[in-house]
């Protein structure tokens, strides 16, 4: 079994600074549980690659294709698979720093397009999945 800690959300999403103390507490509990149950742990919190914008999709919650590749490499390392290493945690080429104006604009767009609609649904007791049917309504075999 492999589990992960949360990355440093303060570096990823605007509301992350508000959640920082809670994320640290949750990560401590995840580390304790991983130790107690002998799970393999991928510690994303201090990995520079996890704060790189290319790691995340536009919603900054889900991984991008690059992010999923990094998560897979991290899991491979945690499992001790041959050829795995800690390179997933590094950024590689340092990203070009955005200007303060560019970062503020990006944060404003994220808040307007993603955070506010989510908050509005949450306040009304709704979910983004309301009114949608299942993608695969019948149980089917996954064997080829």
C-alpha atoms as a PDB file:
ATOM      1  CA  UNK A   1       0.000   0.000   0.000  1.00  0.00           C
ATOM      2  CA  UNK A   2       1.313   3.447  -0.946  1.00  0.00           C
ATOM      3  CA  UNK A   3      -0.031   6.710   0.422  1.00  0.00           C
ATOM      4  CA  UNK A   4       1.023  10.334   0.155  1.00  0.00           C
ATOM      5  CA  UNK A   5       1.103  13.462   2.190  1.00  0.00           C
ATOM      6  CA  UNK A   6      -0.443  16.639   0.822  1.00  0.00           C
ATOM      7  CA  UNK A   7       1.879  19.045  -0.979  1.00  0.00           C
ATOM      8  CA  UNK A   8       2.440  22.549   0.370  1.00  0.00           C
ATOM      9  CA  UNK A   9      -0.913  24.023  -0.687  1.00  0.00           C
ATOM     10  CA  UNK A  10       0.205  27.545   0.190  1.00  0.00           C
ATOM     11  CA  UNK A  11       2.474  27.342  -2.853  1.00  0.00           C
ATOM     12  CA  UNK A  12      -0.284  26.069  -5.166  1.00  0.00           C
ATOM     13  CA  UNK A  13      -3.639  27.695  -4.440  1.00  0.00           C
ATOM     14  CA  UNK A  14      -4.573  31.060  -2.927  1.00  0.00           C
ATOM     15  CA  UNK A  15      -6.617  29.548  -0.099  1.00  0.00           C
ATOM     16  CA  UNK A  16      -3.662  27.292   0.711  1.00  0.00           C
ATOM     17  CA  UNK A  17      -2.201  29.798   3.156  1.00  0.00           C
ATOM     18  CA  UNK A  18      -5.392  29.613   5.197  1.00  0.00           C
ATOM     19  CA  UNK A  19      -5.203  25.818   5.207  1.00  0.00           C
ATOM     20  CA  UNK A  20      -1.463  25.514   5.956  1.00  0.00           C
ATOM     21  CA  UNK A  21      -1.714  24.631   9.644  1.00  0.00           C
ATOM     22  CA  UNK A  22      -4.415  22.062   8.949  1.00  0.00           C
ATOM     23  CA  UNK A  23      -2.396  20.492   6.117  1.00  0.00           C
ATOM     24  CA  UNK A  24       0.608  20.153   8.441  1.00  0.00           C
ATOM     25  CA  UNK A  25      -1.560  18.390  11.059  1.00  0.00           C
ATOM     26  CA  UNK A  26      -3.131  16.096   8.456  1.00  0.00           C
ATOM     27  CA  UNK A  27       0.295  15.251   7.034  1.00  0.00           C
ATOM     28  CA  UNK A  28       1.539  14.361  10.521  1.00  0.00           C
ATOM     29  CA  UNK A  29      -1.411  11.978  10.926  1.00  0.00           C
ATOM     30  CA  UNK A  30      -0.781  10.464   7.492  1.00  0.00           C
ATOM     31  CA  UNK A  31       2.872   9.876   8.420  1.00  0.00           C
ATOM     32  CA  UNK A  32       1.853   8.239  11.739  1.00  0.00           C
ATOM     33  CA  UNK A  33      -0.704   6.001  10.020  1.00  0.00           C
ATOM     34  CA  UNK A  34       1.788   5.006   7.316  1.00  0.00           C
ATOM     35  CA  UNK A  35       4.286   4.067  10.002  1.00  0.00           C
ATOM     36  CA  UNK A  36       1.685   2.236  12.114  1.00  0.00           C
ATOM     37  CA  UNK A  37       0.271   0.203   9.217  1.00  0.00           C
ATOM     38  CA  UNK A  38       3.616  -0.181   7.439  1.00  0.00           C
ATOM     39  CA  UNK A  39       2.433   1.603   4.272  1.00  0.00           C
ATOM     40  CA  UNK A  40       4.920   3.047   1.840  1.00  0.00           C
ATOM     41  CA  UNK A  41       4.869   6.835   2.034  1.00  0.00           C
ATOM     42  CA  UNK A  42       5.471   9.419  -0.657  1.00  0.00           C
ATOM     43  CA  UNK A  43       6.112  12.730   1.069  1.00  0.00           C
ATOM     44  CA  UNK A  44       4.913  15.383  -1.372  1.00  0.00           C
ATOM     45  CA  UNK A  45       5.097  18.288   1.067  1.00  0.00           C
ATOM     46  CA  UNK A  46       8.753  19.210   0.597  1.00  0.00           C
ATOM     47  CA  UNK A  47       9.091  18.132  -3.051  1.00  0.00           C
ATOM     48  CA  UNK A  48       9.832  21.190  -5.230  1.00  0.00           C
ATOM     49  CA  UNK A  49       8.145  19.535  -8.220  1.00  0.00           C
ATOM     50  CA  UNK A  50       4.817  19.563  -6.374  1.00  0.00           C
ATOM     51  CA  UNK A  51       4.731  23.368  -6.273  1.00  0.00           C
ATOM     52  CA  UNK A  52       5.507  23.784  -9.972  1.00  0.00           C
ATOM     53  CA  UNK A  53       2.443  25.022 -11.924  1.00  0.00           C
ATOM     54  CA  UNK A  54       2.954  22.418 -14.680  1.00  0.00           C
ATOM     55  CA  UNK A  55       2.351  19.644 -12.145  1.00  0.00           C
ATOM     56  CA  UNK A  56      -1.293  20.671 -11.719  1.00  0.00           C
ATOM     57  CA  UNK A  57      -4.281  21.006 -13.986  1.00  0.00           C
ATOM     58  CA  UNK A  58      -6.007  24.373 -14.327  1.00  0.00           C
ATOM     59  CA  UNK A  59      -8.094  23.686 -11.202  1.00  0.00           C
ATOM     60  CA  UNK A  60      -4.885  23.305  -9.150  1.00  0.00           C
ATOM     61  CA  UNK A  61      -6.447  20.340  -7.396  1.00  0.00           C
ATOM     62  CA  UNK A  62      -5.916  17.524  -9.875  1.00  0.00           C
ATOM     63  CA  UNK A  63      -2.649  16.520 -11.434  1.00  0.00           C
ATOM     64  CA  UNK A  64      -1.790  17.404 -15.006  1.00  0.00           C
ATOM     65  CA  UNK A  65      -0.426  14.668 -17.297  1.00  0.00           C
ATOM     66  CA  UNK A  66       3.054  15.710 -16.109  1.00  0.00           C
ATOM     67  CA  UNK A  67       1.818  15.580 -12.498  1.00  0.00           C
ATOM     68  CA  UNK A  68       0.441  12.059 -12.925  1.00  0.00           C
ATOM     69  CA  UNK A  69       3.776  10.943 -14.353  1.00  0.00           C
ATOM     70  CA  UNK A  70       5.528  12.460 -11.315  1.00  0.00           C
ATOM     71  CA  UNK A  71       3.087  10.733  -8.923  1.00  0.00           C
ATOM     72  CA  UNK A  72       3.723   7.400 -10.673  1.00  0.00           C
ATOM     73  CA  UNK A  73       7.488   7.895 -10.412  1.00  0.00           C
ATOM     74  CA  UNK A  74       7.108   8.762  -6.725  1.00  0.00           C
ATOM     75  CA  UNK A  75       5.056   5.616  -6.097  1.00  0.00           C
ATOM     76  CA  UNK A  76       7.658   3.543  -7.962  1.00  0.00           C
ATOM     77  CA  UNK A  77      10.366   4.944  -5.706  1.00  0.00           C
ATOM     78  CA  UNK A  78       8.290   4.280  -2.583  1.00  0.00           C
ATOM     79  CA  UNK A  79       7.810   0.675  -3.706  1.00  0.00           C
ATOM     80  CA  UNK A  80      11.525   0.322  -4.460  1.00  0.00           C
ATOM     81  CA  UNK A  81      10.935  -0.639  -8.081  1.00  0.00           C
ATOM     82  CA  UNK A  82      14.057  -1.156 -10.213  1.00  0.00           C
ATOM     83  CA  UNK A  83      15.187   1.994 -11.990  1.00  0.00           C
ATOM     84  CA  UNK A  84      13.224   4.294  -9.713  1.00  0.00           C
ATOM     85  CA  UNK A  85      14.849   7.222  -7.947  1.00  0.00           C
ATOM     86  CA  UNK A  86      14.049  10.535  -6.288  1.00  0.00           C
ATOM     87  CA  UNK A  87      14.250  12.607  -9.498  1.00  0.00           C
ATOM     88  CA  UNK A  88      10.446  13.026  -9.483  1.00  0.00           C
ATOM     89  CA  UNK A  89      10.782  15.442  -6.561  1.00  0.00           C
ATOM     90  CA  UNK A  90      13.035  17.879  -8.396  1.00  0.00           C
ATOM     91  CA  UNK A  91      11.830  20.487 -10.847  1.00  0.00           C
ATOM     92  CA  UNK A  92      14.680  20.153 -13.320  1.00  0.00           C
ATOM     93  CA  UNK A  93      14.859  23.450 -15.159  1.00  0.00           C
ATOM     94  CA  UNK A  94      13.902  26.263 -12.849  1.00  0.00           C
ATOM     95  CA  UNK A  95      10.687  27.876 -14.030  1.00  0.00           C
ATOM     96  CA  UNK A  96      10.734  31.510 -15.058  1.00  0.00           C
ATOM     97  CA  UNK A  97       9.367  33.546 -12.167  1.00  0.00           C
ATOM     98  CA  UNK A  98       6.091  35.229 -12.969  1.00  0.00           C
ATOM     99  CA  UNK A  99       5.703  38.892 -12.279  1.00  0.00           C
ATOM    100  CA  UNK A 100       3.596  39.881  -9.290  1.00  0.00           C
ATOM    101  CA  UNK A 101       0.976  41.259 -11.676  1.00  0.00           C
ATOM    102  CA  UNK A 102       0.855  37.992 -13.632  1.00  0.00           C
ATOM    103  CA  UNK A 103       0.531  35.918 -10.451  1.00  0.00           C
ATOM    104  CA  UNK A 104      -2.248  38.178  -9.130  1.00  0.00           C
ATOM    105  CA  UNK A 105      -4.120  37.912 -12.433  1.00  0.00           C
ATOM    106  CA  UNK A 106      -3.752  34.126 -12.426  1.00  0.00           C
ATOM    107  CA  UNK A 107      -5.036  33.936  -8.838  1.00  0.00           C
ATOM    108  CA  UNK A 108      -7.989  36.183  -9.664  1.00  0.00           C
ATOM    109  CA  UNK A 109      -8.938  34.008 -12.648  1.00  0.00           C
ATOM    110  CA  UNK A 110      -8.642  30.841 -10.556  1.00  0.00           C
ATOM    111  CA  UNK A 111     -10.821  32.341  -7.842  1.00  0.00           C
ATOM    112  CA  UNK A 112     -13.435  33.558 -10.327  1.00  0.00           C
ATOM    113  CA  UNK A 113     -13.579  30.446 -12.499  1.00  0.00           C
ATOM    114  CA  UNK A 114     -12.997  27.639 -10.020  1.00  0.00           C
ATOM    115  CA  UNK A 115     -13.205  28.623  -6.363  1.00  0.00           C
ATOM    116  CA  UNK A 116     -16.302  30.816  -6.500  1.00  0.00           C
ATOM    117  CA  UNK A 117     -18.446  28.325  -8.477  1.00  0.00           C
ATOM    118  CA  UNK A 118     -17.389  25.577  -6.067  1.00  0.00           C
ATOM    119  CA  UNK A 119     -18.267  27.742  -3.054  1.00  0.00           C
ATOM    120  CA  UNK A 120     -21.627  28.670  -4.609  1.00  0.00           C
ATOM    121  CA  UNK A 121     -22.497  24.992  -5.169  1.00  0.00           C
ATOM    122  CA  UNK A 122     -21.301  24.099  -1.671  1.00  0.00           C
ATOM    123  CA  UNK A 123     -23.408  26.817  -0.016  1.00  0.00           C
ATOM    124  CA  UNK A 124     -26.487  25.549  -1.876  1.00  0.00           C
ATOM    125  CA  UNK A 125     -25.765  21.930  -0.914  1.00  0.00           C
ATOM    126  CA  UNK A 126     -25.086  20.894  -4.498  1.00  0.00           C
ATOM    127  CA  UNK A 127     -22.293  18.996  -6.187  1.00  0.00           C
ATOM    128  CA  UNK A 128     -20.715  19.320  -9.618  1.00  0.00           C
ATOM    129  CA  UNK A 129     -22.011  15.784 -10.248  1.00  0.00           C
ATOM    130  CA  UNK A 130     -25.661  16.563  -9.519  1.00  0.00           C
ATOM    131  CA  UNK A 131     -27.874  15.643 -12.445  1.00  0.00           C
ATOM    132  CA  UNK A 132     -25.223  13.493 -14.103  1.00  0.00           C
ATOM    133  CA  UNK A 133     -25.600   9.785 -14.610  1.00  0.00           C
ATOM    134  CA  UNK A 134     -22.886   7.199 -14.106  1.00  0.00           C
ATOM    135  CA  UNK A 135     -20.231   6.970 -16.787  1.00  0.00           C
ATOM    136  CA  UNK A 136     -20.558   3.176 -16.838  1.00  0.00           C
ATOM    137  CA  UNK A 137     -24.009   2.272 -15.499  1.00  0.00           C
ATOM    138  CA  UNK A 138     -23.549  -1.489 -15.918  1.00  0.00           C
ATOM    139  CA  UNK A 139     -20.952  -3.670 -14.252  1.00  0.00           C
ATOM    140  CA  UNK A 140     -18.577  -4.894 -16.947  1.00  0.00           C
ATOM    141  CA  UNK A 141     -15.471  -7.033 -16.931  1.00  0.00           C
ATOM    142  CA  UNK A 142     -12.152  -5.235 -17.131  1.00  0.00           C
ATOM    143  CA  UNK A 143     -10.446  -8.283 -18.646  1.00  0.00           C
ATOM    144  CA  UNK A 144      -9.506  -7.869 -22.303  1.00  0.00           C
END
